[in-house]
Amino acid sequence: MSATELVGFAAAILGTVCWLPQVVKTWRSRAVDDLSWATNLLLFATVTMWLSYGLIKRDAPLILSNIVAVLSIGAILVAKLRWGRR
C-alpha cells in the first residue's frame, strides 16, 4: 500500500468515525429537534456524491468512508423523521 493510500484511509477513518458519536447520541436520546434538516440533507447529498465519485474512480478509501458516512447521516435523518416534531 502506498503512502498516498495510507493517508487516504487515515482521512477516511477519521472523517467517518467523527459521525458515529452523533448517531449513537441521537438514537439513544431521541432528541432531534436541534438537528438541522437543511444541514443534514445537504451533507447526505454531498457524501452520496462523493460515494458515486469514489465508485467511478474505484477509490477504496472514498468508497468505504462514504458508505459509512451515508449510513450514519441516513440514520440521523431517519431519527429526525421518527422523533422530530410533527
N, C-alpha and C. Protein backbone atom coordinates (compact mmCIF):
# COMPACT_ATOMS: atom_id res chain seq x y z
N MET A 1 0.86 -1.17 0.00
CA MET A 1 0.00 0.00 0.00
C MET A 1 0.91 1.24 0.00
N SER A 2 0.57 2.20 -0.82
CA SER A 2 1.39 3.40 -0.95
C SER A 2 1.11 4.38 0.19
N ALA A 3 1.99 5.34 0.35
CA ALA A 3 1.81 6.38 1.37
C ALA A 3 0.55 7.19 1.07
N THR A 4 0.28 7.41 -0.19
CA THR A 4 -0.92 8.15 -0.58
C THR A 4 -2.18 7.41 -0.14
N GLU A 5 -2.20 6.10 -0.35
CA GLU A 5 -3.36 5.31 0.07
C GLU A 5 -3.49 5.29 1.59
N LEU A 6 -2.37 5.23 2.30
CA LEU A 6 -2.42 5.26 3.76
C LEU A 6 -3.02 6.57 4.27
N VAL A 7 -2.61 7.67 3.68
CA VAL A 7 -3.19 8.96 4.05
C VAL A 7 -4.69 8.98 3.74
N GLY A 8 -5.05 8.44 2.59
CA GLY A 8 -6.47 8.38 2.20
C GLY A 8 -7.29 7.56 3.18
N PHE A 9 -6.78 6.40 3.56
CA PHE A 9 -7.50 5.57 4.51
C PHE A 9 -7.56 6.22 5.89
N ALA A 10 -6.49 6.87 6.33
CA ALA A 10 -6.49 7.57 7.62
C ALA A 10 -7.53 8.68 7.62
N ALA A 11 -7.58 9.46 6.55
CA ALA A 11 -8.57 10.53 6.44
C ALA A 11 -9.98 9.95 6.41
N ALA A 12 -10.15 8.86 5.70
CA ALA A 12 -11.46 8.21 5.61
C ALA A 12 -11.93 7.74 6.97
N ILE A 13 -11.04 7.13 7.72
CA ILE A 13 -11.40 6.62 9.05
C ILE A 13 -11.77 7.78 9.98
N LEU A 14 -10.92 8.79 10.04
CA LEU A 14 -11.20 9.93 10.92
C LEU A 14 -12.47 10.68 10.51
N GLY A 15 -12.65 10.84 9.22
CA GLY A 15 -13.80 11.58 8.72
C GLY A 15 -15.13 10.89 8.95
N THR A 16 -15.11 9.57 9.02
CA THR A 16 -16.36 8.86 9.23
C THR A 16 -16.60 8.52 10.70
N VAL A 17 -15.55 8.25 11.43
CA VAL A 17 -15.70 7.92 12.85
C VAL A 17 -16.27 9.12 13.61
N CYS A 18 -15.98 10.33 13.15
CA CYS A 18 -16.46 11.51 13.86
C CYS A 18 -17.99 11.59 13.89
N TRP A 19 -18.68 10.94 12.96
CA TRP A 19 -20.15 10.97 12.94
C TRP A 19 -20.78 9.95 13.86
N LEU A 20 -20.06 8.90 14.20
CA LEU A 20 -20.65 7.82 14.99
C LEU A 20 -21.14 8.27 16.37
N PRO A 21 -20.40 9.11 17.12
CA PRO A 21 -20.95 9.57 18.40
C PRO A 21 -22.27 10.33 18.26
N GLN A 22 -22.40 11.12 17.19
CA GLN A 22 -23.65 11.86 16.98
C GLN A 22 -24.80 10.90 16.69
N VAL A 23 -24.54 9.88 15.89
CA VAL A 23 -25.57 8.89 15.59
C VAL A 23 -26.00 8.17 16.86
N VAL A 24 -25.04 7.71 17.64
CA VAL A 24 -25.35 6.99 18.88
C VAL A 24 -26.12 7.89 19.84
N LYS A 25 -25.66 9.12 20.02
CA LYS A 25 -26.35 10.05 20.93
C LYS A 25 -27.77 10.33 20.47
N THR A 26 -27.93 10.53 19.18
CA THR A 26 -29.26 10.83 18.63
C THR A 26 -30.21 9.67 18.85
N TRP A 27 -29.76 8.45 18.58
CA TRP A 27 -30.63 7.29 18.72
C TRP A 27 -30.91 6.95 20.18
N ARG A 28 -29.96 7.21 21.06
CA ARG A 28 -30.21 6.94 22.48
C ARG A 28 -31.14 7.96 23.10
N SER A 29 -30.91 9.23 22.79
CA SER A 29 -31.68 10.30 23.44
C SER A 29 -32.99 10.60 22.73
N ARG A 30 -33.05 10.29 21.45
CA ARG A 30 -34.19 10.64 20.61
C ARG A 30 -34.43 12.15 20.55
N ALA A 31 -33.43 12.91 20.89
CA ALA A 31 -33.50 14.38 20.85
C ALA A 31 -33.00 14.85 19.48
N VAL A 32 -33.94 15.21 18.63
CA VAL A 32 -33.58 15.56 17.25
C VAL A 32 -34.01 16.96 16.85
N ASP A 33 -34.71 17.65 17.72
CA ASP A 33 -35.27 18.95 17.33
C ASP A 33 -34.21 19.99 17.02
N ASP A 34 -33.04 19.89 17.63
CA ASP A 34 -31.98 20.85 17.36
C ASP A 34 -31.12 20.49 16.16
N LEU A 35 -31.39 19.37 15.54
CA LEU A 35 -30.63 18.97 14.35
C LEU A 35 -31.26 19.60 13.11
N SER A 36 -30.46 20.21 12.31
CA SER A 36 -30.94 20.93 11.14
C SER A 36 -31.24 19.98 9.97
N TRP A 37 -32.46 20.10 9.44
CA TRP A 37 -32.82 19.34 8.24
C TRP A 37 -31.92 19.73 7.08
N ALA A 38 -31.79 21.04 6.86
CA ALA A 38 -31.04 21.53 5.71
C ALA A 38 -29.60 21.04 5.75
N THR A 39 -28.96 21.18 6.88
CA THR A 39 -27.56 20.76 7.00
C THR A 39 -27.42 19.27 6.75
N ASN A 40 -28.26 18.47 7.37
CA ASN A 40 -28.14 17.02 7.22
C ASN A 40 -28.50 16.54 5.82
N LEU A 41 -29.48 17.17 5.19
CA LEU A 41 -29.82 16.79 3.81
C LEU A 41 -28.70 17.17 2.84
N LEU A 42 -28.13 18.36 3.03
CA LEU A 42 -27.00 18.76 2.17
C LEU A 42 -25.80 17.86 2.39
N LEU A 43 -25.53 17.53 3.63
CA LEU A 43 -24.42 16.64 3.92
C LEU A 43 -24.66 15.25 3.34
N PHE A 44 -25.90 14.76 3.44
CA PHE A 44 -26.25 13.46 2.85
C PHE A 44 -26.04 13.47 1.34
N ALA A 45 -26.47 14.56 0.69
CA ALA A 45 -26.27 14.68 -0.76
C ALA A 45 -24.78 14.73 -1.09
N THR A 46 -24.02 15.45 -0.28
CA THR A 46 -22.58 15.57 -0.52
C THR A 46 -21.88 14.23 -0.42
N VAL A 47 -22.13 13.49 0.66
CA VAL A 47 -21.43 12.21 0.81
C VAL A 47 -21.92 11.18 -0.20
N THR A 48 -23.17 11.29 -0.62
CA THR A 48 -23.67 10.40 -1.67
C THR A 48 -22.94 10.67 -2.99
N MET A 49 -22.70 11.94 -3.27
CA MET A 49 -21.96 12.28 -4.49
C MET A 49 -20.50 11.85 -4.38
N TRP A 50 -19.89 12.00 -3.19
CA TRP A 50 -18.51 11.52 -3.01
C TRP A 50 -18.44 10.01 -3.16
N LEU A 51 -19.47 9.31 -2.67
CA LEU A 51 -19.52 7.86 -2.84
C LEU A 51 -19.60 7.52 -4.33
N SER A 52 -20.44 8.21 -5.06
CA SER A 52 -20.54 7.98 -6.50
C SER A 52 -19.21 8.23 -7.20
N TYR A 53 -18.55 9.31 -6.83
CA TYR A 53 -17.24 9.64 -7.39
C TYR A 53 -16.23 8.54 -7.08
N GLY A 54 -16.23 8.08 -5.83
CA GLY A 54 -15.33 7.00 -5.43
C GLY A 54 -15.57 5.72 -6.22
N LEU A 55 -16.84 5.41 -6.45
CA LEU A 55 -17.18 4.23 -7.24
C LEU A 55 -16.69 4.37 -8.68
N ILE A 56 -16.89 5.55 -9.26
CA ILE A 56 -16.44 5.80 -10.63
C ILE A 56 -14.92 5.67 -10.73
N LYS A 57 -14.22 6.23 -9.74
CA LYS A 57 -12.76 6.22 -9.73
C LYS A 57 -12.18 4.90 -9.18
N ARG A 58 -13.05 4.07 -8.62
CA ARG A 58 -12.62 2.83 -7.98
C ARG A 58 -11.58 3.10 -6.89
N ASP A 59 -11.91 4.08 -6.06
CA ASP A 59 -11.03 4.54 -4.99
C ASP A 59 -11.55 4.00 -3.66
N ALA A 60 -10.87 2.98 -3.14
CA ALA A 60 -11.34 2.28 -1.94
C ALA A 60 -11.54 3.20 -0.73
N PRO A 61 -10.60 4.11 -0.40
CA PRO A 61 -10.84 4.97 0.75
C PRO A 61 -12.10 5.83 0.60
N LEU A 62 -12.32 6.37 -0.59
CA LEU A 62 -13.53 7.16 -0.81
C LEU A 62 -14.78 6.31 -0.71
N ILE A 63 -14.73 5.13 -1.26
CA ILE A 63 -15.90 4.25 -1.23
C ILE A 63 -16.24 3.85 0.20
N LEU A 64 -15.26 3.33 0.92
CA LEU A 64 -15.51 2.85 2.28
C LEU A 64 -15.96 3.97 3.21
N SER A 65 -15.26 5.09 3.18
CA SER A 65 -15.61 6.18 4.09
C SER A 65 -16.99 6.73 3.78
N ASN A 66 -17.33 6.84 2.53
CA ASN A 66 -18.62 7.43 2.19
C ASN A 66 -19.78 6.46 2.33
N ILE A 67 -19.53 5.16 2.29
CA ILE A 67 -20.58 4.20 2.65
C ILE A 67 -20.94 4.40 4.12
N VAL A 68 -19.92 4.49 4.96
CA VAL A 68 -20.17 4.69 6.39
C VAL A 68 -20.84 6.04 6.63
N ALA A 69 -20.40 7.07 5.93
CA ALA A 69 -20.99 8.41 6.08
C ALA A 69 -22.45 8.43 5.64
N VAL A 70 -22.76 7.81 4.51
CA VAL A 70 -24.14 7.75 4.02
C VAL A 70 -25.02 7.03 5.05
N LEU A 71 -24.53 5.92 5.58
CA LEU A 71 -25.31 5.18 6.59
C LEU A 71 -25.48 6.00 7.87
N SER A 72 -24.43 6.67 8.31
CA SER A 72 -24.50 7.46 9.54
C SER A 72 -25.46 8.64 9.40
N ILE A 73 -25.30 9.40 8.36
CA ILE A 73 -26.16 10.56 8.16
C ILE A 73 -27.58 10.11 7.84
N GLY A 74 -27.70 9.01 7.12
CA GLY A 74 -29.03 8.43 6.87
C GLY A 74 -29.72 8.06 8.17
N ALA A 75 -28.96 7.49 9.12
CA ALA A 75 -29.53 7.13 10.42
C ALA A 75 -30.00 8.37 11.18
N ILE A 76 -29.27 9.46 11.07
CA ILE A 76 -29.69 10.71 11.70
C ILE A 76 -30.97 11.23 11.05
N LEU A 77 -31.05 11.16 9.73
CA LEU A 77 -32.26 11.61 9.04
C LEU A 77 -33.46 10.75 9.40
N VAL A 78 -33.26 9.44 9.50
CA VAL A 78 -34.35 8.55 9.90
C VAL A 78 -34.80 8.89 11.32
N ALA A 79 -33.84 9.13 12.20
CA ALA A 79 -34.20 9.51 13.57
C ALA A 79 -34.99 10.81 13.59
N LYS A 80 -34.59 11.76 12.76
CA LYS A 80 -35.29 13.04 12.67
C LYS A 80 -36.73 12.83 12.19
N LEU A 81 -36.92 11.94 11.24
CA LEU A 81 -38.27 11.61 10.77
C LEU A 81 -39.10 10.95 11.87
N ARG A 82 -38.47 10.02 12.58
CA ARG A 82 -39.20 9.27 13.60
C ARG A 82 -39.55 10.08 14.82
N TRP A 83 -38.60 10.90 15.31
CA TRP A 83 -38.77 11.55 16.60
C TRP A 83 -38.85 13.06 16.54
N GLY A 84 -38.87 13.62 15.34
CA GLY A 84 -38.96 15.07 15.21
C GLY A 84 -40.36 15.57 15.47
N ARG A 85 -40.45 16.88 15.66
CA ARG A 85 -41.78 17.48 15.87
C ARG A 85 -42.62 17.25 14.64
N ARG A 86 -43.85 17.01 14.87
CA ARG A 86 -44.80 16.74 13.77
C ARG A 86 -45.60 17.99 13.47
